[in-house]
Amino acid sequence: HVREFEDVTASVTSLKARDAQLQLEIERDRQEEVRIRAALDAYQKEYEGALQPLQQQEAALRAQLKAMKRYHTE
């Protein structure tokens, strides 16, 4: 019975060590997810910031083109 108890104790110790390792990996994965989400948010803000002036420029050019078409048809 002592041998069985030692085997069970070793198994429990091994499982606890594996659980601790998995918890560390989970926390690392969470931190990586947070980092990736932050990078994506920053990229999206940068993209939207770059896109807005282009959209304004496009609207201005379309208005200019419309005015030119009107001028040439009159």
PDB file of N, CA and C in Angstrom:
ATOM      1  N   HIS A   1       0.823  -1.216   0.000  1.00  0.00           N
ATOM      2  CA  HIS A   1       0.000   0.000   0.000  1.00  0.00           C
ATOM      3  C   HIS A   1       0.854   1.262   0.000  1.00  0.00           C
ATOM      4  N   VAL A   2       2.013   1.190   0.617  1.00  0.00           N
ATOM      5  CA  VAL A   2       2.905   2.346   0.652  1.00  0.00           C
ATOM      6  C   VAL A   2       3.345   2.694  -0.767  1.00  0.00           C
ATOM      7  N   ARG A   3       3.630   1.685  -1.547  1.00  0.00           N
ATOM      8  CA  ARG A   3       4.069   1.902  -2.933  1.00  0.00           C
ATOM      9  C   ARG A   3       2.943   2.560  -3.745  1.00  0.00           C
ATOM     10  N   GLU A   4       1.705   2.067  -3.567  1.00  0.00           N
ATOM     11  CA  GLU A   4       0.564   2.669  -4.269  1.00  0.00           C
ATOM     12  C   GLU A   4       0.389   4.122  -3.857  1.00  0.00           C
ATOM     13  N   PHE A   5       0.515   4.397  -2.568  1.00  0.00           N
ATOM     14  CA  PHE A   5       0.389   5.762  -2.074  1.00  0.00           C
ATOM     15  C   PHE A   5       1.464   6.655  -2.687  1.00  0.00           C
ATOM     16  N   GLU A   6       2.697   6.148  -2.761  1.00  0.00           N
ATOM     17  CA  GLU A   6       3.790   6.920  -3.354  1.00  0.00           C
ATOM     18  C   GLU A   6       3.520   7.187  -4.841  1.00  0.00           C
ATOM     19  N   ASP A   7       2.972   6.169  -5.539  1.00  0.00           N
ATOM     20  CA  ASP A   7       2.648   6.334  -6.961  1.00  0.00           C
ATOM     21  C   ASP A   7       1.557   7.394  -7.155  1.00  0.00           C
ATOM     22  N   VAL A   8       0.533   7.337  -6.307  1.00  0.00           N
ATOM     23  CA  VAL A   8      -0.553   8.311  -6.389  1.00  0.00           C
ATOM     24  C   VAL A   8      -0.026   9.709  -6.069  1.00  0.00           C
ATOM     25  N   THR A   9       0.798   9.816  -5.044  1.00  0.00           N
ATOM     26  CA  THR A   9       1.380  11.100  -4.667  1.00  0.00           C
ATOM     27  C   THR A   9       2.224  11.659  -5.806  1.00  0.00           C
ATOM     28  N   ALA A  10       3.001  10.811  -6.443  1.00  0.00           N
ATOM     29  CA  ALA A  10       3.829  11.250  -7.574  1.00  0.00           C
ATOM     30  C   ALA A  10       2.943  11.693  -8.733  1.00  0.00           C
ATOM     31  N   SER A  11       1.866  10.966  -8.980  1.00  0.00           N
ATOM     32  CA  SER A  11       0.949  11.342 -10.061  1.00  0.00           C
ATOM     33  C   SER A  11       0.292  12.686  -9.778  1.00  0.00           C
ATOM     34  N   VAL A  12      -0.154  12.884  -8.543  1.00  0.00           N
ATOM     35  CA  VAL A  12      -0.787  14.148  -8.163  1.00  0.00           C
ATOM     36  C   VAL A  12       0.217  15.289  -8.302  1.00  0.00           C
ATOM     37  N   THR A  13       1.429  15.086  -7.854  1.00  0.00           N
ATOM     38  CA  THR A  13       2.475  16.109  -7.964  1.00  0.00           C
ATOM     39  C   THR A  13       2.742  16.437  -9.427  1.00  0.00           C
ATOM     40  N   SER A  14       2.807  15.395 -10.258  1.00  0.00           N
ATOM     41  CA  SER A  14       3.035  15.580 -11.690  1.00  0.00           C
ATOM     42  C   SER A  14       1.880  16.349 -12.330  1.00  0.00           C
ATOM     43  N   LEU A  15       0.657  15.985 -11.947  1.00  0.00           N
ATOM     44  CA  LEU A  15      -0.516  16.677 -12.493  1.00  0.00           C
ATOM     45  C   LEU A  15      -0.552  18.137 -12.055  1.00  0.00           C
ATOM     46  N   LYS A  16      -0.190  18.398 -10.818  1.00  0.00           N
ATOM     47  CA  LYS A  16      -0.151  19.780 -10.331  1.00  0.00           C
ATOM     48  C   LYS A  16       0.891  20.598 -11.093  1.00  0.00           C
ATOM     49  N   ALA A  17       2.038  19.983 -11.350  1.00  0.00           N
ATOM     50  CA  ALA A  17       3.086  20.679 -12.103  1.00  0.00           C
ATOM     51  C   ALA A  17       2.607  20.957 -13.520  1.00  0.00           C
ATOM     52  N   ARG A  18       1.957  19.979 -14.133  1.00  0.00           N
ATOM     53  CA  ARG A  18       1.438  20.154 -15.496  1.00  0.00           C
ATOM     54  C   ARG A  18       0.354  21.234 -15.505  1.00  0.00           C
ATOM     55  N   ASP A  19      -0.504  21.244 -14.491  1.00  0.00           N
ATOM     56  CA  ASP A  19      -1.551  22.264 -14.396  1.00  0.00           C
ATOM     57  C   ASP A  19      -0.932  23.658 -14.280  1.00  0.00           C
ATOM     58  N   ALA A  20       0.097  23.783 -13.460  1.00  0.00           N
ATOM     59  CA  ALA A  20       0.766  25.081 -13.300  1.00  0.00           C
ATOM     60  C   ALA A  20       1.375  25.528 -14.630  1.00  0.00           C
ATOM     61  N   GLN A  21       1.977  24.580 -15.353  1.00  0.00           N
ATOM     62  CA  GLN A  21       2.570  24.899 -16.652  1.00  0.00           C
ATOM     63  C   GLN A  21       1.484  25.356 -17.638  1.00  0.00           C
ATOM     64  N   LEU A  22       0.360  24.647 -17.641  1.00  0.00           N
ATOM     65  CA  LEU A  22      -0.747  25.025 -18.531  1.00  0.00           C
ATOM     66  C   LEU A  22      -1.313  26.396 -18.167  1.00  0.00           C
ATOM     67  N   GLN A  23      -1.403  26.685 -16.887  1.00  0.00           N
ATOM     68  CA  GLN A  23      -1.897  28.000 -16.463  1.00  0.00           C
ATOM     69  C   GLN A  23      -0.969  29.107 -16.962  1.00  0.00           C
ATOM     70  N   LEU A  24       0.342  28.861 -16.901  1.00  0.00           N
ATOM     71  CA  LEU A  24       1.311  29.837 -17.416  1.00  0.00           C
ATOM     72  C   LEU A  24       1.128  30.023 -18.922  1.00  0.00           C
ATOM     73  N   GLU A  25       0.939  28.916 -19.640  1.00  0.00           N
ATOM     74  CA  GLU A  25       0.748  29.000 -21.093  1.00  0.00           C
ATOM     75  C   GLU A  25      -0.540  29.760 -21.426  1.00  0.00           C
ATOM     76  N   ILE A  26      -1.598  29.503 -20.667  1.00  0.00           N
ATOM     77  CA  ILE A  26      -2.873  30.204 -20.887  1.00  0.00           C
ATOM     78  C   ILE A  26      -2.689  31.699 -20.663  1.00  0.00           C
ATOM     79  N   GLU A  27      -1.991  32.067 -19.592  1.00  0.00           N
ATOM     80  CA  GLU A  27      -1.767  33.486 -19.301  1.00  0.00           C
ATOM     81  C   GLU A  27      -0.922  34.137 -20.393  1.00  0.00           C
ATOM     82  N   ARG A  28       0.100  33.428 -20.862  1.00  0.00           N
ATOM     83  CA  ARG A  28       0.924  33.936 -21.962  1.00  0.00           C
ATOM     84  C   ARG A  28       0.076  34.150 -23.216  1.00  0.00           C
ATOM     85  N   ASP A  29      -0.800  33.184 -23.508  1.00  0.00           N
ATOM     86  CA  ASP A  29      -1.690  33.302 -24.672  1.00  0.00           C
ATOM     87  C   ASP A  29      -2.629  34.499 -24.521  1.00  0.00           C
ATOM     88  N   ARG A  30      -3.146  34.703 -23.305  1.00  0.00           N
ATOM     89  CA  ARG A  30      -4.028  35.862 -23.060  1.00  0.00           C
ATOM     90  C   ARG A  30      -3.285  37.164 -23.304  1.00  0.00           C
ATOM     91  N   GLN A  31      -2.060  37.235 -22.795  1.00  0.00           N
ATOM     92  CA  GLN A  31      -1.260  38.449 -22.982  1.00  0.00           C
ATOM     93  C   GLN A  31      -0.970  38.680 -24.462  1.00  0.00           C
ATOM     94  N   GLU A  32      -0.693  37.603 -25.194  1.00  0.00           N
ATOM     95  CA  GLU A  32      -0.436  37.714 -26.631  1.00  0.00           C
ATOM     96  C   GLU A  32      -1.702  38.190 -27.351  1.00  0.00           C
ATOM     97  N   GLU A  33      -2.859  37.670 -26.930  1.00  0.00           N
ATOM     98  CA  GLU A  33      -4.127  38.099 -27.535  1.00  0.00           C
ATOM     99  C   GLU A  33      -4.363  39.588 -27.293  1.00  0.00           C
ATOM    100  N   VAL A  34      -4.097  40.049 -26.079  1.00  0.00           N
ATOM    101  CA  VAL A  34      -4.248  41.470 -25.748  1.00  0.00           C
ATOM    102  C   VAL A  34      -3.317  42.312 -26.620  1.00  0.00           C
ATOM    103  N   ARG A  35      -2.077  41.847 -26.785  1.00  0.00           N
ATOM    104  CA  ARG A  35      -1.105  42.572 -27.599  1.00  0.00           C
ATOM    105  C   ARG A  35      -1.553  42.635 -29.062  1.00  0.00           C
ATOM    106  N   ILE A  36      -2.048  41.513 -29.569  1.00  0.00           N
ATOM    107  CA  ILE A  36      -2.503  41.464 -30.970  1.00  0.00           C
ATOM    108  C   ILE A  36      -3.715  42.368 -31.168  1.00  0.00           C
ATOM    109  N   ARG A  37      -4.655  42.315 -30.219  1.00  0.00           N
ATOM    110  CA  ARG A  37      -5.839  43.182 -30.332  1.00  0.00           C
ATOM    111  C   ARG A  37      -5.452  44.662 -30.314  1.00  0.00           C
ATOM    112  N   ALA A  38      -4.511  45.016 -29.464  1.00  0.00           N
ATOM    113  CA  ALA A  38      -4.046  46.411 -29.388  1.00  0.00           C
ATOM    114  C   ALA A  38      -3.386  46.820 -30.706  1.00  0.00           C
ATOM    115  N   ALA A  39      -2.584  45.919 -31.266  1.00  0.00           N
ATOM    116  CA  ALA A  39      -1.926  46.217 -32.547  1.00  0.00           C
ATOM    117  C   ALA A  39      -2.970  46.375 -33.655  1.00  0.00           C
ATOM    118  N   LEU A  40      -3.985  45.510 -33.659  1.00  0.00           N
ATOM    119  CA  LEU A  40      -5.047  45.618 -34.665  1.00  0.00           C
ATOM    120  C   LEU A  40      -5.826  46.925 -34.510  1.00  0.00           C
ATOM    121  N   ASP A  41      -6.133  47.288 -33.276  1.00  0.00           N
ATOM    122  CA  ASP A  41      -6.838  48.551 -33.034  1.00  0.00           C
ATOM    123  C   ASP A  41      -6.013  49.737 -33.528  1.00  0.00           C
ATOM    124  N   ALA A  42      -4.719  49.721 -33.228  1.00  0.00           N
ATOM    125  CA  ALA A  42      -3.841  50.805 -33.665  1.00  0.00           C
ATOM    126  C   ALA A  42      -3.790  50.863 -35.189  1.00  0.00           C
ATOM    127  N   TYR A  43      -3.695  49.703 -35.823  1.00  0.00           N
ATOM    128  CA  TYR A  43      -3.656  49.644 -37.289  1.00  0.00           C
ATOM    129  C   TYR A  43      -4.956  50.189 -37.880  1.00  0.00           C
ATOM    130  N   GLN A  44      -6.090  49.787 -37.278  1.00  0.00           N
ATOM    131  CA  GLN A  44      -7.385  50.244 -37.784  1.00  0.00           C
ATOM    132  C   GLN A  44      -7.524  51.759 -37.654  1.00  0.00           C
ATOM    133  N   LYS A  45      -7.087  52.314 -36.523  1.00  0.00           N
ATOM    134  CA  LYS A  45      -7.141  53.770 -36.338  1.00  0.00           C
ATOM    135  C   LYS A  45      -6.257  54.476 -37.358  1.00  0.00           C
ATOM    136  N   GLU A  46      -5.066  53.912 -37.589  1.00  0.00           N
ATOM    137  CA  GLU A  46      -4.147  54.490 -38.561  1.00  0.00           C
ATOM    138  C   GLU A  46      -4.763  54.438 -39.962  1.00  0.00           C
ATOM    139  N   TYR A  47      -5.370  53.307 -40.296  1.00  0.00           N
ATOM    140  CA  TYR A  47      -6.013  53.124 -41.604  1.00  0.00           C
ATOM    141  C   TYR A  47      -7.151  54.126 -41.789  1.00  0.00           C
ATOM    142  N   GLU A  48      -8.002  54.226 -40.753  1.00  0.00           N
ATOM    143  CA  GLU A  48      -9.132  55.149 -40.845  1.00  0.00           C
ATOM    144  C   GLU A  48      -8.639  56.589 -40.931  1.00  0.00           C
ATOM    145  N   GLY A  49      -7.564  56.901 -40.195  1.00  0.00           N
ATOM    146  CA  GLY A  49      -6.987  58.241 -40.242  1.00  0.00           C
ATOM    147  C   GLY A  49      -6.437  58.578 -41.617  1.00  0.00           C
ATOM    148  N   ALA A  50      -5.859  57.573 -42.279  1.00  0.00           N
ATOM    149  CA  ALA A  50      -5.318  57.797 -43.627  1.00  0.00           C
ATOM    150  C   ALA A  50      -6.444  57.834 -44.657  1.00  0.00           C
ATOM    151  N   LEU A  51      -7.496  57.088 -44.401  1.00  0.00           N
ATOM    152  CA  LEU A  51      -8.593  56.981 -45.363  1.00  0.00           C
ATOM    153  C   LEU A  51      -9.439  58.252 -45.428  1.00  0.00           C
ATOM    154  N   GLN A  52      -9.658  58.872 -44.287  1.00  0.00           N
ATOM    155  CA  GLN A  52     -10.546  60.045 -44.240  1.00  0.00           C
ATOM    156  C   GLN A  52     -10.107  61.171 -45.178  1.00  0.00           C
ATOM    157  N   PRO A  53      -8.843  61.606 -45.160  1.00  0.00           N
ATOM    158  CA  PRO A  53      -8.446  62.672 -46.091  1.00  0.00           C
ATOM    159  C   PRO A  53      -8.600  62.243 -47.559  1.00  0.00           C
ATOM    160  N   LEU A  54      -8.348  60.962 -47.830  1.00  0.00           N
ATOM    161  CA  LEU A  54      -8.515  60.478 -49.207  1.00  0.00           C
ATOM    162  C   LEU A  54      -9.978  60.541 -49.638  1.00  0.00           C
ATOM    163  N   GLN A  55     -10.875  60.202 -48.719  1.00  0.00           N
ATOM    164  CA  GLN A  55     -12.302  60.282 -49.031  1.00  0.00           C
ATOM    165  C   GLN A  55     -12.720  61.734 -49.268  1.00  0.00           C
ATOM    166  N   GLN A  56     -12.177  62.640 -48.470  1.00  0.00           N
ATOM    167  CA  GLN A  56     -12.486  64.063 -48.650  1.00  0.00           C
ATOM    168  C   GLN A  56     -11.947  64.552 -49.996  1.00  0.00           C
ATOM    169  N   GLN A  57     -10.747  64.116 -50.330  1.00  0.00           N
ATOM    170  CA  GLN A  57     -10.142  64.503 -51.612  1.00  0.00           C
ATOM    171  C   GLN A  57     -10.970  63.939 -52.773  1.00  0.00           C
ATOM    172  N   GLU A  58     -11.420  62.701 -52.631  1.00  0.00           N
ATOM    173  CA  GLU A  58     -12.244  62.087 -53.671  1.00  0.00           C
ATOM    174  C   GLU A  58     -13.538  62.872 -53.860  1.00  0.00           C
ATOM    175  N   ALA A  59     -14.192  63.248 -52.752  1.00  0.00           N
ATOM    176  CA  ALA A  59     -15.436  64.013 -52.834  1.00  0.00           C
ATOM    177  C   ALA A  59     -15.196  65.355 -53.525  1.00  0.00           C
ATOM    178  N   ALA A  60     -14.087  66.008 -53.198  1.00  0.00           N
ATOM    179  CA  ALA A  60     -13.764  67.295 -53.816  1.00  0.00           C
ATOM    180  C   ALA A  60     -13.525  67.126 -55.317  1.00  0.00           C
ATOM    181  N   LEU A  61     -12.811  66.072 -55.692  1.00  0.00           N
ATOM    182  CA  LEU A  61     -12.546  65.828 -57.119  1.00  0.00           C
ATOM    183  C   LEU A  61     -13.828  65.489 -57.877  1.00  0.00           C
ATOM    184  N   ARG A  62     -14.712  64.722 -57.257  1.00  0.00           N
ATOM    185  CA  ARG A  62     -15.995  64.403 -57.900  1.00  0.00           C
ATOM    186  C   ARG A  62     -16.829  65.670 -58.107  1.00  0.00           C
ATOM    187  N   ALA A  63     -16.837  66.541 -57.095  1.00  0.00           N
ATOM    188  CA  ALA A  63     -17.580  67.803 -57.212  1.00  0.00           C
ATOM    189  C   ALA A  63     -16.982  68.658 -58.330  1.00  0.00           C
ATOM    190  N   GLN A  64     -15.655  68.679 -58.398  1.00  0.00           N
ATOM    191  CA  GLN A  64     -14.965  69.444 -59.438  1.00  0.00           C
ATOM    192  C   GLN A  64     -15.305  68.882 -60.823  1.00  0.00           C
ATOM    193  N   LEU A  65     -15.304  67.569 -60.942  1.00  0.00           N
ATOM    194  CA  LEU A  65     -15.626  66.912 -62.211  1.00  0.00           C
ATOM    195  C   LEU A  65     -17.069  67.212 -62.625  1.00  0.00           C
ATOM    196  N   LYS A  66     -17.961  67.149 -61.653  1.00  0.00           N
ATOM    197  CA  LYS A  66     -19.378  67.437 -61.923  1.00  0.00           C
ATOM    198  C   LYS A  66     -19.532  68.881 -62.419  1.00  0.00           C
ATOM    199  N   ALA A  67     -18.809  69.810 -61.778  1.00  0.00           N
ATOM    200  CA  ALA A  67     -18.860  71.220 -62.171  1.00  0.00           C
ATOM    201  C   ALA A  67     -18.308  71.395 -63.585  1.00  0.00           C
ATOM    202  N   MET A  68     -17.233  70.671 -63.905  1.00  0.00           N
ATOM    203  CA  MET A  68     -16.639  70.768 -65.244  1.00  0.00           C
ATOM    204  C   MET A  68     -17.609  70.228 -66.304  1.00  0.00           C
ATOM    205  N   LYS A  69     -18.302  69.117 -65.984  1.00  0.00           N
ATOM    206  CA  LYS A  69     -19.263  68.543 -66.933  1.00  0.00           C
ATOM    207  C   LYS A  69     -20.401  69.523 -67.173  1.00  0.00           C
ATOM    208  N   ARG A  70     -20.866  70.138 -66.100  1.00  0.00           N
ATOM    209  CA  ARG A  70     -21.941  71.125 -66.209  1.00  0.00           C
ATOM    210  C   ARG A  70     -21.487  72.301 -67.079  1.00  0.00           C
ATOM    211  N   TYR A  71     -20.268  72.752 -66.844  1.00  0.00           N
ATOM    212  CA  TYR A  71     -19.718  73.894 -67.584  1.00  0.00           C
ATOM    213  C   TYR A  71     -19.628  73.573 -69.083  1.00  0.00           C
ATOM    214  N   HIS A  72     -19.216  72.346 -69.397  1.00  0.00           N
ATOM    215  CA  HIS A  72     -19.030  71.980 -70.805  1.00  0.00           C
ATOM    216  C   HIS A  72     -20.345  71.669 -71.518  1.00  0.00           C
ATOM    217  N   THR A  73     -21.395  71.361 -70.776  1.00  0.00           N
ATOM    218  CA  THR A  73     -22.682  71.067 -71.420  1.00  0.00           C
ATOM    219  C   THR A  73     -23.531  72.324 -71.578  1.00  0.00           C
ATOM    220  N   GLU A  74     -23.105  73.415 -70.931  1.00  0.00           N
ATOM    221  CA  GLU A  74     -23.898  74.658 -71.049  1.00  0.00           C
ATOM    222  C   GLU A  74     -23.551  75.427 -72.309  1.00  0.00           C
TER     223      GLU A  74
END
